[in-house]
Amino acid sequence: MLGPRGIRANAIAPAVVATEMSNFAKTEEGRDYALGIQALKRLAQPDDIGGVVAFLASEDARWITGDTVDGGIRTLATEEISDRECRTVRLPPLPIRRSR
């Protein structure tokens, strides 16, 4: 367990970043696909990623842990799921512990 020791763990999953490794995004079809999975409709730049890493490693992010920064890909997936019919599941109430 890392949290009790003050260790934060976060991830960055930017999808397509405009580098030499993303040559497929230089074609019209590849670019259309890459932009289609991005909420902001632009490819990430290497400097975009560096700023996020610096922020997450800083004291300003001291309350953030267990999260993934992904440039909005999960946002699009969540919107797509919420557009479908969803089934409501009722969970039993949590037991309340009273302190003495």
Protein backbone atom coordinates (compact mmCIF):
# COMPACT_ATOMS: atom_id res chain seq x y z
CA MET A 1 0.00 0.00 0.00
CA LEU A 2 1.59 3.22 -1.16
CA GLY A 3 -0.87 5.87 0.06
CA PRO A 4 -0.20 5.47 3.78
CA ARG A 5 3.49 5.99 3.01
CA GLY A 6 2.75 9.25 1.16
CA ILE A 7 3.50 7.78 -2.24
CA ARG A 8 1.23 8.88 -5.09
CA ALA A 9 0.82 6.80 -8.23
CA ASN A 10 -0.65 8.29 -11.40
CA ALA A 11 -0.42 7.47 -15.10
CA ILE A 12 -0.36 9.41 -18.33
CA ALA A 13 -1.96 7.73 -21.36
CA PRO A 14 -2.00 10.40 -24.08
CA ALA A 15 -2.88 8.09 -27.00
CA VAL A 16 -1.42 9.64 -30.16
CA VAL A 17 1.41 12.13 -29.66
CA ALA A 18 2.79 14.00 -32.68
CA THR A 19 6.23 12.37 -32.88
CA GLU A 20 8.10 10.23 -35.40
CA MET A 21 6.45 7.17 -33.81
CA SER A 22 3.02 8.38 -34.95
CA ASN A 23 3.72 8.48 -38.68
CA PHE A 24 0.33 6.89 -39.39
CA ALA A 25 -1.29 10.12 -38.16
CA LYS A 26 0.38 11.96 -41.03
CA THR A 27 -1.97 10.30 -43.51
CA GLU A 28 -5.49 11.67 -43.88
CA GLU A 29 -7.07 8.41 -42.72
CA GLY A 30 -4.70 8.06 -39.76
CA ARG A 31 -5.17 11.68 -38.71
CA ASP A 32 -8.97 11.37 -38.92
CA TYR A 33 -8.81 8.26 -36.71
CA ALA A 34 -6.44 9.88 -34.19
CA LEU A 35 -8.53 13.05 -33.94
CA GLY A 36 -11.68 10.96 -33.65
CA ILE A 37 -10.51 9.46 -30.35
CA GLN A 38 -9.43 12.79 -28.87
CA ALA A 39 -11.94 14.96 -26.99
CA LEU A 40 -10.05 18.15 -27.88
CA LYS A 41 -9.72 17.19 -31.56
CA ARG A 42 -5.99 17.81 -31.71
CA LEU A 43 -2.98 15.57 -31.36
CA ALA A 44 -0.92 15.86 -28.21
CA GLN A 45 2.47 17.50 -28.59
CA PRO A 46 5.52 16.30 -26.62
CA ASP A 47 5.46 19.54 -24.59
CA ASP A 48 1.86 18.80 -23.56
CA ILE A 49 3.00 15.57 -21.93
CA GLY A 50 6.00 17.10 -20.19
CA GLY A 51 3.84 19.72 -18.48
CA VAL A 52 1.48 17.06 -17.15
CA VAL A 53 4.39 14.99 -15.82
CA ALA A 54 5.86 18.07 -14.11
CA PHE A 55 2.50 18.94 -12.56
CA LEU A 56 1.80 15.42 -11.27
CA ALA A 57 5.28 15.24 -9.76
CA SER A 58 4.87 18.62 -8.07
CA GLU A 59 3.53 19.48 -4.66
CA ASP A 60 0.56 21.16 -6.42
CA ALA A 61 -0.72 17.66 -7.25
CA ARG A 62 -0.30 16.35 -3.69
CA TRP A 63 -3.99 15.33 -3.48
CA ILE A 64 -4.05 13.47 -6.81
CA THR A 65 -3.36 9.75 -6.81
CA GLY A 66 -4.63 6.67 -8.60
CA ASP A 67 -5.61 8.65 -11.68
CA THR A 68 -4.88 8.47 -15.38
CA VAL A 69 -4.53 11.60 -17.50
CA ASP A 70 -5.52 10.68 -21.03
CA GLY A 71 -6.33 13.78 -23.05
CA GLY A 72 -10.05 13.10 -22.96
CA ILE A 73 -10.24 9.62 -24.46
CA ARG A 74 -12.14 8.27 -21.44
CA THR A 75 -14.47 11.28 -21.66
CA LEU A 76 -15.52 10.25 -25.15
CA ALA A 77 -15.96 6.64 -24.07
CA THR A 78 -18.06 7.71 -21.08
CA GLU A 79 -20.24 9.91 -23.28
CA GLU A 80 -20.73 7.02 -25.68
CA ILE A 81 -21.71 4.68 -22.86
CA SER A 82 -24.07 7.24 -21.29
CA ASP A 83 -25.79 7.65 -24.65
CA ARG A 84 -26.81 3.98 -24.47
CA GLU A 85 -29.49 2.60 -22.21
CA CYS A 86 -28.03 1.97 -18.78
CA ARG A 87 -29.33 -0.43 -16.18
CA THR A 88 -29.52 0.90 -12.64
CA VAL A 89 -28.10 -1.36 -9.97
CA ARG A 90 -29.11 -0.72 -6.37
CA LEU A 91 -26.46 -1.52 -3.80
CA PRO A 92 -27.24 -2.29 -0.16
CA PRO A 93 -26.50 0.57 2.25
CA LEU A 94 -23.08 0.57 3.87
CA PRO A 95 -23.05 -0.18 7.58
CA ILE A 96 -22.40 2.93 9.64
CA ARG A 97 -19.76 2.63 12.36
CA ARG A 98 -20.32 4.96 15.23
CA SER A 99 -17.30 6.16 17.12
CA ARG A 100 -17.41 6.08 20.90
